Amino acid sequence: MKIAILGAGATGCNVGGHLKLAGESVYLLDPFQAHMEAIAKSGLVWHENTGKIYDPIFFDYAGDNAKEVGPCDVVIIQTKNPFTKNAIEGHREIFDEHTTVITLQNGLGTTDTLLEYFPAERIGYGILYSGGQVLEPGHIQMLHSDHNIILRRLEGERTALYDQLLDAFNRSDFPSEYCEHIDQIIWTKVGVNCFCNMTCGLVRLTMQKLLRHPSGNALVEAIVDEIVAVAHAKGVEITAEGILETRKTALASPGENYPSGAQDVMHKRLTEVESLNGAVARIGKSVGVPTPVNETIAQLIRVIQDNYANQF
């Protein structure tokens, strides 16, 4: 398969790297010029948090010129949610009438954006559990889990293309699966992202320090209770316990980490608040479920990111 990774930061490189190791043709597209140039010249270098460093991975392309890549069989979108439309419109040459487009982005509303450009039967959606960060151009730290990718087709039955894609991930030691009931999993992950990402950005703490504070825990639980109520109103059965189980894993971790939303605030970047707490508040309003805590989190983040240049 000819596969493009649209948004080749840490997670995009992690996904693309495993597909390349499986023998697929993989093309990285990202506007971070220094990162793409380093990968094109010297390959992508993976670092594990254990200190292990892997041999460089070389791709079929690393840059940001869609014309040089041309139409692909599969495009996996890994940009941050606010940049999805610009990414699609700026890289139209990698899509044709046969391209399958898969989003593994965080949050809610990602498929709604894709439906503005592509028919439902050509869209796939899912979640990515493995994380990471760019250490320097061409070098990423990667974090894996027992299940790294869970996905499904938005409309229609599972096809051979999805089988081939999942086989490639699994052959490269990146456990992935197809799941018809993915909405429960997505809403559960949204709950985790909502309770830690923007919250840690607001208090400027790692997730572990937030969770060790009684007021931090109380805030986390209030956020999650609202999310569960909104999900239930949408017909998605999730539990607060299922979301909050993540606390045990985080607190058992030997290190401490800033979630991606906190990193965005730290580095004065546009956050994904509108697909996380902001999306929960909007959906809550549409189904008549009050979400004052998530709405407050979203409003505070909006104020912060609109005033990065004015902060003390």
C-alpha atoms as a PDB file:
ATOM      1  CA  MET A   1       0.000   0.000   0.000  1.00  0.00           C
ATOM      2  CA  LYS A   2       0.997   3.603  -0.561  1.00  0.00           C
ATOM      3  CA  ILE A   3       0.321   5.369   2.732  1.00  0.00           C
ATOM      4  CA  ALA A   4       0.667   9.042   3.629  1.00  0.00           C
ATOM      5  CA  ILE A   5       0.933  10.260   7.203  1.00  0.00           C
ATOM      6  CA  LEU A   6      -0.544  13.753   7.237  1.00  0.00           C
ATOM      7  CA  GLY A   7       0.899  15.300  10.379  1.00  0.00           C
ATOM      8  CA  ALA A   8       4.229  13.643  11.146  1.00  0.00           C
ATOM      9  CA  GLY A   9       4.991  14.803  14.654  1.00  0.00           C
ATOM     10  CA  ALA A  10       5.730  12.285  17.386  1.00  0.00           C
ATOM     11  CA  THR A  11       2.573  10.193  17.016  1.00  0.00           C
ATOM     12  CA  GLY A  12       2.523  10.420  13.223  1.00  0.00           C
ATOM     13  CA  CYS A  13       6.137   9.261  13.057  1.00  0.00           C
ATOM     14  CA  ASN A  14       5.369   6.462  15.471  1.00  0.00           C
ATOM     15  CA  VAL A  15       2.476   5.223  13.312  1.00  0.00           C
ATOM     16  CA  GLY A  16       4.354   5.740  10.055  1.00  0.00           C
ATOM     17  CA  GLY A  17       7.509   4.133  11.387  1.00  0.00           C
ATOM     18  CA  HIS A  18       5.734   0.895  12.227  1.00  0.00           C
ATOM     19  CA  LEU A  19       4.094   0.770   8.820  1.00  0.00           C
ATOM     20  CA  LYS A  20       7.468   1.301   7.154  1.00  0.00           C
ATOM     21  CA  LEU A  21       9.036  -1.467   9.251  1.00  0.00           C
ATOM     22  CA  ALA A  22       6.234  -3.726   7.990  1.00  0.00           C
ATOM     23  CA  GLY A  23       7.338  -3.077   4.410  1.00  0.00           C
ATOM     24  CA  GLU A  24       4.699  -0.559   3.324  1.00  0.00           C
ATOM     25  CA  SER A  25       5.429   2.536   1.213  1.00  0.00           C
ATOM     26  CA  VAL A  26       5.139   5.430   3.674  1.00  0.00           C
ATOM     27  CA  TYR A  27       5.227   9.164   2.949  1.00  0.00           C
ATOM     28  CA  LEU A  28       5.526  11.688   5.792  1.00  0.00           C
ATOM     29  CA  LEU A  29       3.970  15.140   5.317  1.00  0.00           C
ATOM     30  CA  ASP A  30       4.480  17.868   7.897  1.00  0.00           C
ATOM     31  CA  PRO A  31       5.279  21.615   7.855  1.00  0.00           C
ATOM     32  CA  PHE A  32       8.008  21.228  10.537  1.00  0.00           C
ATOM     33  CA  GLN A  33      10.786  21.700   7.997  1.00  0.00           C
ATOM     34  CA  ALA A  34      13.764  20.911  10.232  1.00  0.00           C
ATOM     35  CA  HIS A  35      12.123  17.674  11.390  1.00  0.00           C
ATOM     36  CA  MET A  36      11.324  16.529   7.856  1.00  0.00           C
ATOM     37  CA  GLU A  37      14.785  17.449   6.563  1.00  0.00           C
ATOM     38  CA  ALA A  38      16.464  15.528   9.377  1.00  0.00           C
ATOM     39  CA  ILE A  39      14.368  12.421   8.654  1.00  0.00           C
ATOM     40  CA  ALA A  40      14.956  12.677   4.902  1.00  0.00           C
ATOM     41  CA  LYS A  41      18.712  12.964   5.424  1.00  0.00           C
ATOM     42  CA  SER A  42      19.437  10.682   8.383  1.00  0.00           C
ATOM     43  CA  GLY A  43      16.238   8.714   9.004  1.00  0.00           C
ATOM     44  CA  LEU A  44      13.862   8.732  11.963  1.00  0.00           C
ATOM     45  CA  VAL A  45      15.415   7.749  15.281  1.00  0.00           C
ATOM     46  CA  TRP A  46      13.169   6.216  17.955  1.00  0.00           C
ATOM     47  CA  HIS A  47      13.996   6.557  21.639  1.00  0.00           C
ATOM     48  CA  GLU A  48      12.249   4.516  24.319  1.00  0.00           C
ATOM     49  CA  ASN A  49      11.782   5.975  27.789  1.00  0.00           C
ATOM     50  CA  THR A  50      13.982   3.108  28.970  1.00  0.00           C
ATOM     51  CA  GLY A  51      16.921   4.710  27.180  1.00  0.00           C
ATOM     52  CA  LYS A  52      16.964   2.255  24.270  1.00  0.00           C
ATOM     53  CA  ILE A  53      17.661   3.847  20.870  1.00  0.00           C
ATOM     54  CA  TYR A  54      16.647   2.128  17.628  1.00  0.00           C
ATOM     55  CA  ASP A  55      18.329   2.159  14.241  1.00  0.00           C
ATOM     56  CA  PRO A  56      17.125   4.970  11.938  1.00  0.00           C
ATOM     57  CA  ILE A  57      14.053   4.335   9.794  1.00  0.00           C
ATOM     58  CA  PHE A  58      14.108   5.711   6.252  1.00  0.00           C
ATOM     59  CA  PHE A  59      10.842   6.620   4.515  1.00  0.00           C
ATOM     60  CA  ASP A  60       9.808   6.938   0.893  1.00  0.00           C
ATOM     61  CA  TYR A  61       9.376  10.672   1.442  1.00  0.00           C
ATOM     62  CA  ALA A  62       9.629  13.199   4.258  1.00  0.00           C
ATOM     63  CA  GLY A  63       8.655  16.789   3.511  1.00  0.00           C
ATOM     64  CA  ASP A  64       5.577  18.905   2.872  1.00  0.00           C
ATOM     65  CA  ASN A  65       5.047  18.887  -0.896  1.00  0.00           C
ATOM     66  CA  ALA A  66       1.913  16.906  -1.715  1.00  0.00           C
ATOM     67  CA  LYS A  67       2.616  17.147  -5.464  1.00  0.00           C
ATOM     68  CA  GLU A  68       5.797  15.129  -4.994  1.00  0.00           C
ATOM     69  CA  VAL A  69       3.826  12.404  -3.222  1.00  0.00           C
ATOM     70  CA  GLY A  70       0.721  12.156  -5.411  1.00  0.00           C
ATOM     71  CA  PRO A  71      -2.440  10.073  -4.747  1.00  0.00           C
ATOM     72  CA  CYS A  72      -2.243   7.500  -1.962  1.00  0.00           C
ATOM     73  CA  ASP A  73      -4.206   4.385  -1.114  1.00  0.00           C
ATOM     74  CA  VAL A  74      -4.490   5.462   2.518  1.00  0.00           C
ATOM     75  CA  VAL A  75      -4.020   8.802   4.256  1.00  0.00           C
ATOM     76  CA  ILE A  76      -3.753   8.676   8.039  1.00  0.00           C
ATOM     77  CA  ILE A  77      -4.436  12.090   9.553  1.00  0.00           C
ATOM     78  CA  GLN A  78      -2.374  12.861  12.649  1.00  0.00           C
ATOM     79  CA  THR A  79      -2.460  16.654  12.751  1.00  0.00           C
ATOM     80  CA  LYS A  80      -3.896  18.382  15.777  1.00  0.00           C
ATOM     81  CA  ASN A  81      -7.642  18.858  15.346  1.00  0.00           C
ATOM     82  CA  PRO A  82      -7.587  22.633  14.770  1.00  0.00           C
ATOM     83  CA  PHE A  83      -5.363  22.142  11.711  1.00  0.00           C
ATOM     84  CA  THR A  84      -7.332  19.374   9.986  1.00  0.00           C
ATOM     85  CA  LYS A  85      -9.058  21.491   7.342  1.00  0.00           C
ATOM     86  CA  ASN A  86      -5.910  23.401   6.406  1.00  0.00           C
ATOM     87  CA  ALA A  87      -3.966  20.143   6.206  1.00  0.00           C
ATOM     88  CA  ILE A  88      -6.490  18.570   3.825  1.00  0.00           C
ATOM     89  CA  GLU A  89      -6.853  21.664   1.666  1.00  0.00           C
ATOM     90  CA  GLY A  90      -3.086  22.181   1.507  1.00  0.00           C
ATOM     91  CA  HIS A  91      -2.401  18.591   0.432  1.00  0.00           C
ATOM     92  CA  ARG A  92      -5.197  17.796  -2.023  1.00  0.00           C
ATOM     93  CA  GLU A  93      -2.804  16.008  -4.387  1.00  0.00           C
ATOM     94  CA  ILE A  94      -2.497  13.001  -2.044  1.00  0.00           C
ATOM     95  CA  PHE A  95      -6.231  12.275  -2.320  1.00  0.00           C
ATOM     96  CA  ASP A  96      -8.190  10.839  -5.217  1.00  0.00           C
ATOM     97  CA  GLU A  97     -11.588   9.149  -5.532  1.00  0.00           C
ATOM     98  CA  HIS A  98     -10.168   5.871  -4.191  1.00  0.00           C
ATOM     99  CA  THR A  99      -8.218   7.124  -1.164  1.00  0.00           C
ATOM    100  CA  THR A 100      -9.258   5.830   2.254  1.00  0.00           C
ATOM    101  CA  VAL A 101      -8.873   8.552   4.879  1.00  0.00           C
ATOM    102  CA  ILE A 102      -8.376   7.517   8.501  1.00  0.00           C
ATOM    103  CA  THR A 103      -8.301   9.812  11.508  1.00  0.00           C
ATOM    104  CA  LEU A 104      -6.563   8.766  14.710  1.00  0.00           C
ATOM    105  CA  GLN A 105      -6.819  12.246  16.208  1.00  0.00           C
ATOM    106  CA  ASN A 106      -7.809  13.016  19.769  1.00  0.00           C
ATOM    107  CA  GLY A 107     -11.221  14.237  20.749  1.00  0.00           C
ATOM    108  CA  LEU A 108     -14.731  14.526  19.350  1.00  0.00           C
ATOM    109  CA  GLY A 109     -15.925  15.796  15.981  1.00  0.00           C
ATOM    110  CA  THR A 110     -13.048  14.563  13.828  1.00  0.00           C
ATOM    111  CA  THR A 111     -15.255  12.557  11.477  1.00  0.00           C
ATOM    112  CA  ASP A 112     -17.621  15.513  11.090  1.00  0.00           C
ATOM    113  CA  THR A 113     -14.750  17.494   9.587  1.00  0.00           C
ATOM    114  CA  LEU A 114     -13.776  14.663   7.241  1.00  0.00           C
ATOM    115  CA  LEU A 115     -17.381  14.322   6.033  1.00  0.00           C
ATOM    116  CA  GLU A 116     -17.092  17.837   4.614  1.00  0.00           C
ATOM    117  CA  TYR A 117     -14.511  16.476   2.150  1.00  0.00           C
ATOM    118  CA  PHE A 118     -15.003  12.730   1.722  1.00  0.00           C
ATOM    119  CA  PRO A 119     -17.922  10.246   1.496  1.00  0.00           C
ATOM    120  CA  ALA A 120     -18.567   8.239   4.669  1.00  0.00           C
ATOM    121  CA  GLU A 121     -17.608   4.899   3.108  1.00  0.00           C
ATOM    122  CA  ARG A 122     -14.070   6.201   2.465  1.00  0.00           C
ATOM    123  CA  ILE A 123     -13.544   7.350   6.066  1.00  0.00           C
ATOM    124  CA  GLY A 124     -12.108   5.350   8.933  1.00  0.00           C
ATOM    125  CA  TYR A 125     -11.763   6.514  12.503  1.00  0.00           C
ATOM    126  CA  GLY A 126     -10.184   5.316  15.682  1.00  0.00           C
ATOM    127  CA  ILE A 127      -7.911   6.046  18.574  1.00  0.00           C
ATOM    128  CA  LEU A 128      -4.203   5.867  19.177  1.00  0.00           C
ATOM    129  CA  TYR A 129      -3.075   4.858  22.644  1.00  0.00           C
ATOM    130  CA  SER A 130       0.664   5.162  22.086  1.00  0.00           C
ATOM    131  CA  GLY A 131       2.145   8.584  22.684  1.00  0.00           C
ATOM    132  CA  GLY A 132       5.470  10.331  22.450  1.00  0.00           C
ATOM    133  CA  GLN A 133       7.235  13.601  21.876  1.00  0.00           C
ATOM    134  CA  VAL A 134       9.722  15.108  19.444  1.00  0.00           C
ATOM    135  CA  LEU A 135      13.041  15.302  21.298  1.00  0.00           C
ATOM    136  CA  GLU A 136      14.788  17.130  18.463  1.00  0.00           C
ATOM    137  CA  PRO A 137      14.343  17.146  14.687  1.00  0.00           C
ATOM    138  CA  GLY A 138      14.475  13.555  13.475  1.00  0.00           C
ATOM    139  CA  HIS A 139      14.302  12.063  16.972  1.00  0.00           C
ATOM    140  CA  ILE A 140      11.148  11.032  18.841  1.00  0.00           C
ATOM    141  CA  GLN A 141      10.498   9.393  22.164  1.00  0.00           C
ATOM    142  CA  MET A 142       7.767   6.773  21.860  1.00  0.00           C
ATOM    143  CA  LEU A 143       5.461   5.200  24.396  1.00  0.00           C
ATOM    144  CA  HIS A 144       3.518   2.029  23.575  1.00  0.00           C
ATOM    145  CA  SER A 145       0.636   0.118  25.138  1.00  0.00           C
ATOM    146  CA  ASP A 146      -0.837  -3.364  24.820  1.00  0.00           C
ATOM    147  CA  HIS A 147      -3.291  -2.019  22.234  1.00  0.00           C
ATOM    148  CA  ASN A 148      -1.893   0.879  20.226  1.00  0.00           C
ATOM    149  CA  ILE A 149      -4.580   1.446  17.586  1.00  0.00           C
ATOM    150  CA  ILE A 150      -8.283   0.580  17.584  1.00  0.00           C
ATOM    151  CA  LEU A 151     -10.274   1.621  14.530  1.00  0.00           C
ATOM    152  CA  ARG A 152     -13.210   0.915  12.251  1.00  0.00           C
ATOM    153  CA  ARG A 153     -14.811   2.081   9.022  1.00  0.00           C
ATOM    154  CA  LEU A 154     -17.285   4.918   9.491  1.00  0.00           C
ATOM    155  CA  GLU A 155     -19.866   3.374   7.161  1.00  0.00           C
ATOM    156  CA  GLY A 156     -20.001  -0.057   5.573  1.00  0.00           C
ATOM    157  CA  GLU A 157     -18.495  -3.431   6.316  1.00  0.00           C
ATOM    158  CA  ARG A 158     -14.859  -4.099   7.074  1.00  0.00           C
ATOM    159  CA  THR A 159     -12.793  -4.378   3.878  1.00  0.00           C
ATOM    160  CA  ALA A 160      -9.562  -6.073   2.852  1.00  0.00           C
ATOM    161  CA  LEU A 161      -7.765  -2.735   3.049  1.00  0.00           C
ATOM    162  CA  TYR A 162      -8.379  -2.556   6.810  1.00  0.00           C
ATOM    163  CA  ASP A 163      -7.182  -6.148   7.177  1.00  0.00           C
ATOM    164  CA  GLN A 164      -3.979  -5.304   5.321  1.00  0.00           C
ATOM    165  CA  LEU A 165      -3.397  -2.175   7.362  1.00  0.00           C
ATOM    166  CA  LEU A 166      -3.942  -3.915  10.693  1.00  0.00           C
ATOM    167  CA  ASP A 167      -1.760  -6.823   9.600  1.00  0.00           C
ATOM    168  CA  ALA A 168       1.060  -4.378   8.879  1.00  0.00           C
ATOM    169  CA  PHE A 169       0.786  -2.826  12.331  1.00  0.00           C
ATOM    170  CA  ASN A 170       0.702  -6.182  14.072  1.00  0.00           C
ATOM    171  CA  ARG A 171       3.645  -7.527  12.075  1.00  0.00           C
ATOM    172  CA  SER A 172       5.713  -4.567  13.256  1.00  0.00           C
ATOM    173  CA  ASP A 173       4.941  -5.255  16.926  1.00  0.00           C
ATOM    174  CA  PHE A 174       2.340  -2.481  17.159  1.00  0.00           C
ATOM    175  CA  PRO A 175      -0.789  -4.345  18.393  1.00  0.00           C
ATOM    176  CA  SER A 176      -3.862  -2.950  16.654  1.00  0.00           C
ATOM    177  CA  GLU A 177      -7.420  -4.119  16.063  1.00  0.00           C
ATOM    178  CA  TYR A 178     -10.731  -3.449  14.329  1.00  0.00           C
ATOM    179  CA  CYS A 179     -13.674  -2.777  16.648  1.00  0.00           C
ATOM    180  CA  GLU A 180     -17.323  -2.246  15.733  1.00  0.00           C
ATOM    181  CA  HIS A 181     -18.088  -0.704  19.148  1.00  0.00           C
ATOM    182  CA  ILE A 182     -15.379   1.911  19.053  1.00  0.00           C
ATOM    183  CA  ASP A 183     -17.553   4.850  20.160  1.00  0.00           C
ATOM    184  CA  GLN A 184     -17.480   3.644  23.769  1.00  0.00           C
ATOM    185  CA  ILE A 185     -13.704   3.447  23.611  1.00  0.00           C
ATOM    186  CA  ILE A 186     -13.414   6.891  22.040  1.00  0.00           C
ATOM    187  CA  TRP A 187     -15.661   8.530  24.647  1.00  0.00           C
ATOM    188  CA  THR A 188     -13.696   6.835  27.417  1.00  0.00           C
ATOM    189  CA  LYS A 189     -10.439   8.156  25.983  1.00  0.00           C
ATOM    190  CA  VAL A 190     -12.022  11.601  25.572  1.00  0.00           C
ATOM    191  CA  GLY A 191     -12.812  11.454  29.280  1.00  0.00           C
ATOM    192  CA  VAL A 192      -9.165  10.756  30.078  1.00  0.00           C
ATOM    193  CA  ASN A 193      -7.944  13.520  27.771  1.00  0.00           C
ATOM    194  CA  CYS A 194     -10.449  15.995  29.189  1.00  0.00           C
ATOM    195  CA  PHE A 195      -9.522  15.368  32.793  1.00  0.00           C
ATOM    196  CA  CYS A 196      -5.763  15.688  32.261  1.00  0.00           C
ATOM    197  CA  ASN A 197      -4.777  17.718  29.192  1.00  0.00           C
ATOM    198  CA  MET A 198      -6.210  21.179  29.704  1.00  0.00           C
ATOM    199  CA  THR A 199      -6.366  20.766  33.470  1.00  0.00           C
ATOM    200  CA  CYS A 200      -2.624  20.176  33.711  1.00  0.00           C
ATOM    201  CA  GLY A 201      -2.103  23.108  31.357  1.00  0.00           C
ATOM    202  CA  LEU A 202      -4.074  25.358  33.688  1.00  0.00           C
ATOM    203  CA  VAL A 203      -2.317  24.305  36.900  1.00  0.00           C
ATOM    204  CA  ARG A 204       1.069  23.889  35.162  1.00  0.00           C
ATOM    205  CA  LEU A 205       1.697  20.493  36.686  1.00  0.00           C
ATOM    206  CA  THR A 206       2.360  16.948  35.560  1.00  0.00           C
ATOM    207  CA  MET A 207      -0.609  14.602  35.557  1.00  0.00           C
ATOM    208  CA  GLN A 208       0.848  12.748  38.538  1.00  0.00           C
ATOM    209  CA  LYS A 209       1.116  15.906  40.670  1.00  0.00           C
ATOM    210  CA  LEU A 210      -2.430  16.896  39.712  1.00  0.00           C
ATOM    211  CA  LEU A 211      -3.762  13.495  40.746  1.00  0.00           C
ATOM    212  CA  ARG A 212      -1.872  13.436  44.046  1.00  0.00           C
ATOM    213  CA  HIS A 213      -3.601  16.625  45.213  1.00  0.00           C
ATOM    214  CA  PRO A 214      -7.072  16.166  46.766  1.00  0.00           C
ATOM    215  CA  SER A 215      -8.472  19.219  45.012  1.00  0.00           C
ATOM    216  CA  GLY A 216      -6.943  18.033  41.748  1.00  0.00           C
ATOM    217  CA  ASN A 217      -8.679  14.689  42.164  1.00  0.00           C
ATOM    218  CA  ALA A 218     -11.984  16.369  42.985  1.00  0.00           C
ATOM    219  CA  LEU A 219     -11.726  18.462  39.832  1.00  0.00           C
ATOM    220  CA  VAL A 220     -10.886  15.406  37.732  1.00  0.00           C
ATOM    221  CA  GLU A 221     -13.920  13.533  39.049  1.00  0.00           C
ATOM    222  CA  ALA A 222     -16.258  16.461  38.376  1.00  0.00           C
ATOM    223  CA  ILE A 223     -15.019  16.691  34.776  1.00  0.00           C
ATOM    224  CA  VAL A 224     -15.552  12.963  34.271  1.00  0.00           C
ATOM    225  CA  ASP A 225     -19.045  12.917  35.797  1.00  0.00           C
ATOM    226  CA  GLU A 226     -20.191  15.511  33.253  1.00  0.00           C
ATOM    227  CA  ILE A 227     -18.650  13.584  30.353  1.00  0.00           C
ATOM    228  CA  VAL A 228     -20.385  10.359  31.382  1.00  0.00           C
ATOM    229  CA  ALA A 229     -23.728  12.177  31.561  1.00  0.00           C
ATOM    230  CA  VAL A 230     -23.273  13.667  28.073  1.00  0.00           C
ATOM    231  CA  ALA A 231     -22.201  10.319  26.607  1.00  0.00           C
ATOM    232  CA  HIS A 232     -25.247   8.597  28.097  1.00  0.00           C
ATOM    233  CA  ALA A 233     -27.489  11.269  26.584  1.00  0.00           C
ATOM    234  CA  LYS A 234     -25.894  10.470  23.216  1.00  0.00           C
ATOM    235  CA  GLY A 235     -26.595   6.755  23.696  1.00  0.00           C
ATOM    236  CA  VAL A 236     -22.978   5.805  24.451  1.00  0.00           C
ATOM    237  CA  GLU A 237     -22.634   3.670  27.564  1.00  0.00           C
ATOM    238  CA  ILE A 238     -19.451   4.471  29.471  1.00  0.00           C
ATOM    239  CA  THR A 239     -18.660   4.637  33.167  1.00  0.00           C
ATOM    240  CA  ALA A 240     -16.741   7.047  35.354  1.00  0.00           C
ATOM    241  CA  GLU A 241     -14.863   4.076  36.795  1.00  0.00           C
ATOM    242  CA  GLY A 242     -13.680   3.069  33.334  1.00  0.00           C
ATOM    243  CA  ILE A 243     -12.260   6.536  32.720  1.00  0.00           C
ATOM    244  CA  LEU A 244     -10.761   7.031  36.172  1.00  0.00           C
ATOM    245  CA  GLU A 245      -8.991   3.669  36.037  1.00  0.00           C
ATOM    246  CA  THR A 246      -6.279   5.594  34.195  1.00  0.00           C
ATOM    247  CA  ARG A 247      -5.335   7.301  37.449  1.00  0.00           C
ATOM    248  CA  LYS A 248      -3.860   4.057  38.757  1.00  0.00           C
ATOM    249  CA  THR A 249      -1.676   3.623  35.695  1.00  0.00           C
ATOM    250  CA  ALA A 250      -0.473   7.224  35.805  1.00  0.00           C
ATOM    251  CA  LEU A 251       0.364   7.104  39.490  1.00  0.00           C
ATOM    252  CA  ALA A 252       2.140   3.771  39.115  1.00  0.00           C
ATOM    253  CA  SER A 253       4.374   5.168  36.359  1.00  0.00           C
ATOM    254  CA  PRO A 254       8.015   5.518  37.395  1.00  0.00           C
ATOM    255  CA  GLY A 255       8.223   8.982  35.853  1.00  0.00           C
ATOM    256  CA  GLU A 256       6.043  12.061  35.529  1.00  0.00           C
ATOM    257  CA  ASN A 257       4.641  13.475  32.326  1.00  0.00           C
ATOM    258  CA  TYR A 258       2.955  16.566  31.009  1.00  0.00           C
ATOM    259  CA  PRO A 259      -0.016  15.602  28.798  1.00  0.00           C
ATOM    260  CA  SER A 260       0.009  16.978  25.260  1.00  0.00           C
ATOM    261  CA  GLY A 261      -2.454  19.756  26.126  1.00  0.00           C
ATOM    262  CA  ALA A 262      -0.201  20.925  28.941  1.00  0.00           C
ATOM    263  CA  GLN A 263       2.756  20.860  26.543  1.00  0.00           C
ATOM    264  CA  ASP A 264       0.779  23.058  24.131  1.00  0.00           C
ATOM    265  CA  VAL A 265       0.145  25.625  26.858  1.00  0.00           C
ATOM    266  CA  MET A 266       3.761  25.413  28.008  1.00  0.00           C
ATOM    267  CA  HIS A 267       5.028  26.131  24.494  1.00  0.00           C
ATOM    268  CA  LYS A 268       2.299  28.712  23.766  1.00  0.00           C
ATOM    269  CA  ARG A 269       0.631  26.724  20.992  1.00  0.00           C
ATOM    270  CA  LEU A 270      -2.974  26.394  19.884  1.00  0.00           C
ATOM    271  CA  THR A 271      -4.580  23.631  21.959  1.00  0.00           C
ATOM    272  CA  GLU A 272      -7.164  20.968  21.122  1.00  0.00           C
ATOM    273  CA  VAL A 273      -9.616  22.326  23.685  1.00  0.00           C
ATOM    274  CA  GLU A 274     -12.413  22.646  21.116  1.00  0.00           C
ATOM    275  CA  SER A 275     -12.381  18.902  20.448  1.00  0.00           C
ATOM    276  CA  LEU A 276     -12.077  18.022  24.145  1.00  0.00           C
ATOM    277  CA  ASN A 277     -13.672  20.011  27.005  1.00  0.00           C
ATOM    278  CA  GLY A 278     -15.120  22.544  24.572  1.00  0.00           C
ATOM    279  CA  ALA A 279     -16.716  19.770  22.492  1.00  0.00           C
ATOM    280  CA  VAL A 280     -18.182  18.146  25.612  1.00  0.00           C
ATOM    281  CA  ALA A 281     -19.740  21.486  26.584  1.00  0.00           C
ATOM    282  CA  ARG A 282     -21.194  22.037  23.090  1.00  0.00           C
ATOM    283  CA  ILE A 283     -22.625  18.530  22.858  1.00  0.00           C
ATOM    284  CA  GLY A 284     -23.934  18.797  26.405  1.00  0.00           C
ATOM    285  CA  LYS A 285     -25.821  21.945  25.477  1.00  0.00           C
ATOM    286  CA  SER A 286     -27.307  20.241  22.407  1.00  0.00           C
ATOM    287  CA  VAL A 287     -28.642  17.310  24.483  1.00  0.00           C
ATOM    288  CA  GLY A 288     -29.693  19.346  27.512  1.00  0.00           C
ATOM    289  CA  VAL A 289     -26.969  18.169  29.912  1.00  0.00           C
ATOM    290  CA  PRO A 290     -25.282  20.901  32.007  1.00  0.00           C
ATOM    291  CA  THR A 291     -21.479  20.871  31.839  1.00  0.00           C
ATOM    292  CA  PRO A 292     -20.333  23.866  33.940  1.00  0.00           C
ATOM    293  CA  VAL A 293     -16.931  22.393  34.865  1.00  0.00           C
ATOM    294  CA  ASN A 294     -15.940  21.461  31.317  1.00  0.00           C
ATOM    295  CA  GLU A 295     -17.255  24.793  30.036  1.00  0.00           C
ATOM    296  CA  THR A 296     -15.174  26.667  32.621  1.00  0.00           C
ATOM    297  CA  ILE A 297     -12.041  24.685  31.693  1.00  0.00           C
ATOM    298  CA  ALA A 298     -12.635  25.495  28.019  1.00  0.00           C
ATOM    299  CA  GLN A 299     -13.220  29.199  28.669  1.00  0.00           C
ATOM    300  CA  LEU A 300     -10.060  29.532  30.749  1.00  0.00           C
ATOM    301  CA  ILE A 301      -7.950  27.809  28.099  1.00  0.00           C
ATOM    302  CA  ARG A 302      -9.397  30.085  25.401  1.00  0.00           C
ATOM    303  CA  VAL A 303      -8.404  33.142  27.429  1.00  0.00           C
ATOM    304  CA  ILE A 304      -4.891  31.781  27.965  1.00  0.00           C
ATOM    305  CA  GLN A 305      -4.171  30.785  24.376  1.00  0.00           C
ATOM    306  CA  ASP A 306      -5.536  34.086  23.062  1.00  0.00           C
ATOM    307  CA  ASN A 307      -3.197  35.952  25.429  1.00  0.00           C
ATOM    308  CA  TYR A 308       0.067  34.055  25.310  1.00  0.00           C
ATOM    309  CA  ALA A 309       1.931  37.250  24.433  1.00  0.00           C
ATOM    310  CA  ASN A 310       0.427  39.125  27.386  1.00  0.00           C
ATOM    311  CA  GLN A 311       1.096  36.661  30.193  1.00  0.00           C
ATOM    312  CA  PHE A 312       3.414  37.383  33.102  1.00  0.00           C
END
